[in-house]
């Protein structure tokens, strides 16, 4: 999952980690910058959809422009 926008707030990475944990998803953040965050999220498709929606609506101090998703691995659904 690649999140693009105005993501400079220090609170967003911990927010992503908490939100993923609440949904029971595994996540690993591989890149962070003021305008892009890249992470791998593992779990049921429906819960990953909820994670994406949560990030779009997420903390008030960030502005998410778009989220790109790429299917990784043969057993992901």
PDB file of N, CA and C in Angstrom:
ATOM      1  N   UNK A   1       0.864  -1.158   0.000  1.00  0.00           N
ATOM      2  CA  UNK A   1       0.000   0.000   0.000  1.00  0.00           C
ATOM      3  C   UNK A   1       0.911   1.221   0.000  1.00  0.00           C
ATOM      4  N   UNK A   2       0.640   2.152  -0.894  1.00  0.00           N
ATOM      5  CA  UNK A   2       1.375   3.410  -0.939  1.00  0.00           C
ATOM      6  C   UNK A   2       0.392   4.541  -0.673  1.00  0.00           C
ATOM      7  N   UNK A   3       0.669   5.333   0.333  1.00  0.00           N
ATOM      8  CA  UNK A   3      -0.184   6.457   0.714  1.00  0.00           C
ATOM      9  C   UNK A   3       0.514   7.730   0.265  1.00  0.00           C
ATOM     10  N   UNK A   4      -0.191   8.563  -0.496  1.00  0.00           N
ATOM     11  CA  UNK A   4       0.363   9.812  -1.009  1.00  0.00           C
ATOM     12  C   UNK A   4      -0.439  10.990  -0.486  1.00  0.00           C
ATOM     13  N   UNK A   5       0.231  12.092  -0.187  1.00  0.00           N
ATOM     14  CA  UNK A   5      -0.452  13.298   0.277  1.00  0.00           C
ATOM     15  C   UNK A   5       0.462  14.140   1.145  1.00  0.00           C
ATOM     16  N   UNK A   6      -0.143  14.955   1.993  1.00  0.00           N
ATOM     17  CA  UNK A   6       0.593  15.775   2.960  1.00  0.00           C
ATOM     18  C   UNK A   6       0.637  14.980   4.261  1.00  0.00           C
ATOM     19  N   UNK A   7       1.697  14.209   4.432  1.00  0.00           N
ATOM     20  CA  UNK A   7       1.770  13.200   5.494  1.00  0.00           C
ATOM     21  C   UNK A   7       2.836  13.511   6.529  1.00  0.00           C
ATOM     22  N   UNK A   8       3.192  14.767   6.658  1.00  0.00           N
ATOM     23  CA  UNK A   8       4.334  15.176   7.473  1.00  0.00           C
ATOM     24  C   UNK A   8       4.108  15.048   8.980  1.00  0.00           C
ATOM     25  N   UNK A   9       2.902  14.830   9.410  1.00  0.00           N
ATOM     26  CA  UNK A   9       2.607  14.783  10.848  1.00  0.00           C
ATOM     27  C   UNK A   9       3.269  13.575  11.505  1.00  0.00           C
ATOM     28  N   UNK A  10       3.917  13.808  12.626  1.00  0.00           N
ATOM     29  CA  UNK A  10       4.590  12.734  13.367  1.00  0.00           C
ATOM     30  C   UNK A  10       3.600  11.705  13.908  1.00  0.00           C
ATOM     31  N   UNK A  11       2.350  12.090  14.027  1.00  0.00           N
ATOM     32  CA  UNK A  11       1.343  11.199  14.607  1.00  0.00           C
ATOM     33  C   UNK A  11       0.834  10.135  13.638  1.00  0.00           C
ATOM     34  N   UNK A  12       1.097  10.269  12.334  1.00  0.00           N
ATOM     35  CA  UNK A  12       0.464   9.381  11.361  1.00  0.00           C
ATOM     36  C   UNK A  12       1.016   7.955  11.413  1.00  0.00           C
ATOM     37  N   UNK A  13       2.326   7.782  11.519  1.00  0.00           N
ATOM     38  CA  UNK A  13       2.897   6.429  11.554  1.00  0.00           C
ATOM     39  C   UNK A  13       2.377   5.652  12.766  1.00  0.00           C
ATOM     40  N   UNK A  14       2.421   6.203  13.984  1.00  0.00           N
ATOM     41  CA  UNK A  14       1.833   5.474  15.115  1.00  0.00           C
ATOM     42  C   UNK A  14       0.336   5.218  14.921  1.00  0.00           C
ATOM     43  N   UNK A  15      -0.365   6.148  14.289  1.00  0.00           N
ATOM     44  CA  UNK A  15      -1.791   5.975  14.024  1.00  0.00           C
ATOM     45  C   UNK A  15      -2.011   4.780  13.100  1.00  0.00           C
ATOM     46  N   UNK A  16      -1.201   4.678  12.035  1.00  0.00           N
ATOM     47  CA  UNK A  16      -1.298   3.549  11.103  1.00  0.00           C
ATOM     48  C   UNK A  16      -1.055   2.237  11.852  1.00  0.00           C
ATOM     49  N   UNK A  17      -0.028   2.201  12.679  1.00  0.00           N
ATOM     50  CA  UNK A  17       0.297   0.985  13.427  1.00  0.00           C
ATOM     51  C   UNK A  17      -0.838   0.587  14.371  1.00  0.00           C
ATOM     52  N   UNK A  18      -1.416   1.540  15.071  1.00  0.00           N
ATOM     53  CA  UNK A  18      -2.543   1.249  15.981  1.00  0.00           C
ATOM     54  C   UNK A  18      -3.769   0.775  15.210  1.00  0.00           C
ATOM     55  N   UNK A  19      -4.079   1.446  14.101  1.00  0.00           N
ATOM     56  CA  UNK A  19      -5.263   1.091  13.314  1.00  0.00           C
ATOM     57  C   UNK A  19      -5.123  -0.326  12.755  1.00  0.00           C
ATOM     58  N   UNK A  20      -3.948  -0.661  12.233  1.00  0.00           N
ATOM     59  CA  UNK A  20      -3.708  -2.016  11.718  1.00  0.00           C
ATOM     60  C   UNK A  20      -3.871  -3.045  12.838  1.00  0.00           C
ATOM     61  N   UNK A  21      -3.329  -2.753  14.009  1.00  0.00           N
ATOM     62  CA  UNK A  21      -3.438  -3.680  15.142  1.00  0.00           C
ATOM     63  C   UNK A  21      -4.894  -3.876  15.554  1.00  0.00           C
ATOM     64  N   UNK A  22      -5.670  -2.802  15.584  1.00  0.00           N
ATOM     65  CA  UNK A  22      -7.089  -2.906  15.946  1.00  0.00           C
ATOM     66  C   UNK A  22      -7.852  -3.787  14.971  1.00  0.00           C
ATOM     67  N   UNK A  23      -7.429  -3.771  13.693  1.00  0.00           N
ATOM     68  CA  UNK A  23      -8.085  -4.583  12.670  1.00  0.00           C
ATOM     69  C   UNK A  23      -7.506  -5.994  12.593  1.00  0.00           C
ATOM     70  N   UNK A  24      -6.473  -6.272  13.364  1.00  0.00           N
ATOM     71  CA  UNK A  24      -5.849  -7.589  13.337  1.00  0.00           C
ATOM     72  C   UNK A  24      -4.987  -7.822  12.107  1.00  0.00           C
ATOM     73  N   UNK A  25      -4.484  -6.750  11.503  1.00  0.00           N
ATOM     74  CA  UNK A  25      -3.653  -6.847  10.304  1.00  0.00           C
ATOM     75  C   UNK A  25      -2.176  -6.811  10.677  1.00  0.00           C
ATOM     76  N   UNK A  26      -1.378  -7.512   9.899  1.00  0.00           N
ATOM     77  CA  UNK A  26       0.076  -7.388  10.008  1.00  0.00           C
ATOM     78  C   UNK A  26       0.498  -6.276   9.077  1.00  0.00           C
ATOM     79  N   UNK A  27       1.445  -5.450   9.520  1.00  0.00           N
ATOM     80  CA  UNK A  27       1.920  -4.361   8.666  1.00  0.00           C
ATOM     81  C   UNK A  27       3.405  -4.156   8.876  1.00  0.00           C
ATOM     82  N   UNK A  28       4.058  -3.716   7.804  1.00  0.00           N
ATOM     83  CA  UNK A  28       5.482  -3.387   7.863  1.00  0.00           C
ATOM     84  C   UNK A  28       5.693  -2.148   7.011  1.00  0.00           C
ATOM     85  N   UNK A  29       6.147  -1.079   7.624  1.00  0.00           N
ATOM     86  CA  UNK A  29       6.376   0.180   6.914  1.00  0.00           C
ATOM     87  C   UNK A  29       7.789   0.152   6.346  1.00  0.00           C
ATOM     88  N   UNK A  30       7.901   0.379   5.015  1.00  0.00           N
ATOM     89  CA  UNK A  30       9.208   0.306   4.362  1.00  0.00           C
ATOM     90  C   UNK A  30       9.752   1.666   3.952  1.00  0.00           C
ATOM     91  N   UNK A  31       8.898   2.691   3.868  1.00  0.00           N
ATOM     92  CA  UNK A  31       9.358   4.026   3.475  1.00  0.00           C
ATOM     93  C   UNK A  31       8.430   5.067   4.089  1.00  0.00           C
ATOM     94  N   UNK A  32       9.021   6.131   4.607  1.00  0.00           N
ATOM     95  CA  UNK A  32       8.236   7.273   5.073  1.00  0.00           C
ATOM     96  C   UNK A  32       8.899   8.559   4.608  1.00  0.00           C
ATOM     97  N   UNK A  33       8.081   9.485   4.154  1.00  0.00           N
ATOM     98  CA  UNK A  33       8.538  10.837   3.823  1.00  0.00           C
ATOM     99  C   UNK A  33       7.352  11.768   4.022  1.00  0.00           C
ATOM    100  N   UNK A  34       7.561  13.051   3.802  1.00  0.00           N
ATOM    101  CA  UNK A  34       6.504  14.040   4.017  1.00  0.00           C
ATOM    102  C   UNK A  34       5.341  13.867   3.054  1.00  0.00           C
ATOM    103  N   UNK A  35       5.580  13.184   1.914  1.00  0.00           N
ATOM    104  CA  UNK A  35       4.511  13.050   0.926  1.00  0.00           C
ATOM    105  C   UNK A  35       4.203  11.613   0.523  1.00  0.00           C
ATOM    106  N   UNK A  36       4.906  10.629   1.118  1.00  0.00           N
ATOM    107  CA  UNK A  36       4.663   9.236   0.729  1.00  0.00           C
ATOM    108  C   UNK A  36       5.013   8.294   1.872  1.00  0.00           C
ATOM    109  N   UNK A  37       4.132   7.318   2.077  1.00  0.00           N
ATOM    110  CA  UNK A  37       4.384   6.230   3.017  1.00  0.00           C
ATOM    111  C   UNK A  37       4.120   4.932   2.268  1.00  0.00           C
ATOM    112  N   UNK A  38       5.073   4.006   2.348  1.00  0.00           N
ATOM    113  CA  UNK A  38       4.899   2.696   1.735  1.00  0.00           C
ATOM    114  C   UNK A  38       4.864   1.656   2.840  1.00  0.00           C
ATOM    115  N   UNK A  39       3.864   0.788   2.786  1.00  0.00           N
ATOM    116  CA  UNK A  39       3.768  -0.270   3.774  1.00  0.00           C
ATOM    117  C   UNK A  39       3.167  -1.509   3.155  1.00  0.00           C
ATOM    118  N   UNK A  40       3.511  -2.638   3.733  1.00  0.00           N
ATOM    119  CA  UNK A  40       2.921  -3.906   3.341  1.00  0.00           C
ATOM    120  C   UNK A  40       1.920  -4.281   4.420  1.00  0.00           C
ATOM    121  N   UNK A  41       0.707  -4.583   3.989  1.00  0.00           N
ATOM    122  CA  UNK A  41      -0.365  -4.939   4.914  1.00  0.00           C
ATOM    123  C   UNK A  41      -0.830  -6.344   4.562  1.00  0.00           C
ATOM    124  N   UNK A  42      -0.934  -7.212   5.569  1.00  0.00           N
ATOM    125  CA  UNK A  42      -1.332  -8.592   5.348  1.00  0.00           C
ATOM    126  C   UNK A  42      -2.557  -8.910   6.197  1.00  0.00           C
ATOM    127  N   UNK A  43      -3.537  -9.545   5.540  1.00  0.00           N
ATOM    128  CA  UNK A  43      -4.750  -9.942   6.229  1.00  0.00           C
ATOM    129  C   UNK A  43      -5.881 -10.102   5.238  1.00  0.00           C
ATOM    130  N   UNK A  44      -7.086 -10.349   5.722  1.00  0.00           N
ATOM    131  CA  UNK A  44      -8.241 -10.494   4.839  1.00  0.00           C
ATOM    132  C   UNK A  44      -8.496  -9.207   4.038  1.00  0.00           C
ATOM    133  N   UNK A  45      -8.883  -9.390   2.780  1.00  0.00           N
ATOM    134  CA  UNK A  45      -9.115  -8.260   1.878  1.00  0.00           C
ATOM    135  C   UNK A  45     -10.077  -7.245   2.471  1.00  0.00           C
ATOM    136  N   UNK A  46     -11.144  -7.720   3.110  1.00  0.00           N
ATOM    137  CA  UNK A  46     -12.141  -6.808   3.667  1.00  0.00           C
ATOM    138  C   UNK A  46     -11.538  -5.913   4.746  1.00  0.00           C
ATOM    139  N   UNK A  47     -10.641  -6.468   5.547  1.00  0.00           N
ATOM    140  CA  UNK A  47     -10.012  -5.674   6.601  1.00  0.00           C
ATOM    141  C   UNK A  47      -8.972  -4.718   6.030  1.00  0.00           C
ATOM    142  N   UNK A  48      -8.302  -5.124   4.956  1.00  0.00           N
ATOM    143  CA  UNK A  48      -7.378  -4.211   4.284  1.00  0.00           C
ATOM    144  C   UNK A  48      -8.165  -3.058   3.661  1.00  0.00           C
ATOM    145  N   UNK A  49      -9.356  -3.355   3.120  1.00  0.00           N
ATOM    146  CA  UNK A  49     -10.240  -2.292   2.616  1.00  0.00           C
ATOM    147  C   UNK A  49     -10.573  -1.306   3.736  1.00  0.00           C
ATOM    148  N   UNK A  50     -10.861  -1.836   4.925  1.00  0.00           N
ATOM    149  CA  UNK A  50     -11.174  -0.974   6.067  1.00  0.00           C
ATOM    150  C   UNK A  50      -9.958  -0.138   6.468  1.00  0.00           C
ATOM    151  N   UNK A  51      -8.774  -0.725   6.390  1.00  0.00           N
ATOM    152  CA  UNK A  51      -7.537   0.001   6.692  1.00  0.00           C
ATOM    153  C   UNK A  51      -7.356   1.155   5.718  1.00  0.00           C
ATOM    154  N   UNK A  52      -7.593   0.886   4.442  1.00  0.00           N
ATOM    155  CA  UNK A  52      -7.477   1.936   3.425  1.00  0.00           C
ATOM    156  C   UNK A  52      -8.454   3.073   3.708  1.00  0.00           C
ATOM    157  N   UNK A  53      -9.690   2.744   4.011  1.00  0.00           N
ATOM    158  CA  UNK A  53     -10.692   3.764   4.309  1.00  0.00           C
ATOM    159  C   UNK A  53     -10.304   4.549   5.559  1.00  0.00           C
ATOM    160  N   UNK A  54      -9.820   3.843   6.570  1.00  0.00           N
ATOM    161  CA  UNK A  54      -9.382   4.516   7.788  1.00  0.00           C
ATOM    162  C   UNK A  54      -8.262   5.502   7.524  1.00  0.00           C
ATOM    163  N   UNK A  55      -7.297   5.101   6.693  1.00  0.00           N
ATOM    164  CA  UNK A  55      -6.183   6.005   6.364  1.00  0.00           C
ATOM    165  C   UNK A  55      -6.678   7.221   5.590  1.00  0.00           C
ATOM    166  N   UNK A  56      -7.651   7.018   4.704  1.00  0.00           N
ATOM    167  CA  UNK A  56      -8.211   8.156   3.950  1.00  0.00           C
ATOM    168  C   UNK A  56      -8.872   9.165   4.887  1.00  0.00           C
ATOM    169  N   UNK A  57      -9.542   8.667   5.907  1.00  0.00           N
ATOM    170  CA  UNK A  57     -10.257   9.534   6.845  1.00  0.00           C
ATOM    171  C   UNK A  57      -9.402   9.916   8.043  1.00  0.00           C
ATOM    172  N   UNK A  58      -8.322   9.178   8.241  1.00  0.00           N
ATOM    173  CA  UNK A  58      -7.426   9.230   9.385  1.00  0.00           C
ATOM    174  C   UNK A  58      -7.133  10.563  10.016  1.00  0.00           C
ATOM    175  N   UNK A  59      -6.122  10.685  10.803  1.00  0.00           N
ATOM    176  CA  UNK A  59      -5.944  11.839  11.685  1.00  0.00           C
ATOM    177  C   UNK A  59      -6.101  13.175  10.967  1.00  0.00           C
ATOM    178  N   UNK A  60      -6.614  14.134  11.687  1.00  0.00           N
ATOM    179  CA  UNK A  60      -6.946  15.432  11.108  1.00  0.00           C
ATOM    180  C   UNK A  60      -5.713  16.208  10.663  1.00  0.00           C
ATOM    181  N   UNK A  61      -4.543  15.860  11.190  1.00  0.00           N
ATOM    182  CA  UNK A  61      -3.337  16.620  10.852  1.00  0.00           C
ATOM    183  C   UNK A  61      -2.599  16.103   9.616  1.00  0.00           C
ATOM    184  N   UNK A  62      -3.200  15.158   8.870  1.00  0.00           N
ATOM    185  CA  UNK A  62      -2.639  14.726   7.588  1.00  0.00           C
ATOM    186  C   UNK A  62      -3.697  14.866   6.502  1.00  0.00           C
ATOM    187  N   UNK A  63      -3.244  14.942   5.255  1.00  0.00           N
ATOM    188  CA  UNK A  63      -4.154  15.004   4.111  1.00  0.00           C
ATOM    189  C   UNK A  63      -3.746  13.917   3.140  1.00  0.00           C
ATOM    190  N   UNK A  64      -4.559  12.866   3.032  1.00  0.00           N
ATOM    191  CA  UNK A  64      -4.282  11.762   2.123  1.00  0.00           C
ATOM    192  C   UNK A  64      -4.905  12.086   0.773  1.00  0.00           C
ATOM    193  N   UNK A  65      -4.060  12.183  -0.254  1.00  0.00           N
ATOM    194  CA  UNK A  65      -4.532  12.445  -1.619  1.00  0.00           C
ATOM    195  C   UNK A  65      -5.031  11.163  -2.271  1.00  0.00           C
ATOM    196  N   UNK A  66      -4.229  10.114  -2.182  1.00  0.00           N
ATOM    197  CA  UNK A  66      -4.589   8.851  -2.816  1.00  0.00           C
ATOM    198  C   UNK A  66      -3.873   7.700  -2.127  1.00  0.00           C
ATOM    199  N   UNK A  67      -4.432   6.516  -2.302  1.00  0.00           N
ATOM    200  CA  UNK A  67      -3.807   5.297  -1.805  1.00  0.00           C
ATOM    201  C   UNK A  67      -3.742   4.314  -2.964  1.00  0.00           C
ATOM    202  N   UNK A  68      -2.547   3.804  -3.214  1.00  0.00           N
ATOM    203  CA  UNK A  68      -2.326   2.818  -4.267  1.00  0.00           C
ATOM    204  C   UNK A  68      -2.107   1.464  -3.612  1.00  0.00           C
ATOM    205  N   UNK A  69      -2.761   0.442  -4.163  1.00  0.00           N
ATOM    206  CA  UNK A  69      -2.595  -0.906  -3.624  1.00  0.00           C
ATOM    207  C   UNK A  69      -2.077  -1.824  -4.706  1.00  0.00           C
ATOM    208  N   UNK A  70      -1.147  -2.697  -4.318  1.00  0.00           N
ATOM    209  CA  UNK A  70      -0.580  -3.686  -5.221  1.00  0.00           C
ATOM    210  C   UNK A  70      -0.643  -5.037  -4.533  1.00  0.00           C
ATOM    211  N   UNK A  71      -1.176  -6.025  -5.224  1.00  0.00           N
ATOM    212  CA  UNK A  71      -1.245  -7.378  -4.688  1.00  0.00           C
ATOM    213  C   UNK A  71       0.154  -7.980  -4.701  1.00  0.00           C
ATOM    214  N   UNK A  72       0.591  -8.500  -3.570  1.00  0.00           N
ATOM    215  CA  UNK A  72       1.920  -9.086  -3.446  1.00  0.00           C
ATOM    216  C   UNK A  72       1.770 -10.514  -2.961  1.00  0.00           C
ATOM    217  N   UNK A  73       2.461 -11.448  -3.594  1.00  0.00           N
ATOM    218  CA  UNK A  73       2.441 -12.840  -3.154  1.00  0.00           C
ATOM    219  C   UNK A  73       1.302 -13.616  -3.773  1.00  0.00           C
ATOM    220  N   UNK A  74       1.473 -14.924  -3.850  1.00  0.00           N
ATOM    221  CA  UNK A  74       0.478 -15.770  -4.509  1.00  0.00           C
ATOM    222  C   UNK A  74      -0.686 -16.150  -3.612  1.00  0.00           C
ATOM    223  N   UNK A  75      -0.517 -16.050  -2.281  1.00  0.00           N
ATOM    224  CA  UNK A  75      -1.601 -16.453  -1.386  1.00  0.00           C
ATOM    225  C   UNK A  75      -2.404 -15.276  -0.850  1.00  0.00           C
ATOM    226  N   UNK A  76      -2.077 -14.033  -1.289  1.00  0.00           N
ATOM    227  CA  UNK A  76      -2.862 -12.863  -0.862  1.00  0.00           C
ATOM    228  C   UNK A  76      -4.190 -12.877  -1.583  1.00  0.00           C
ATOM    229  N   UNK A  77      -5.247 -12.366  -0.904  1.00  0.00           N
ATOM    230  CA  UNK A  77      -6.556 -12.332  -1.558  1.00  0.00           C
ATOM    231  C   UNK A  77      -7.124 -10.985  -1.627  1.00  0.00           C
TER     232      UNK A  77
END
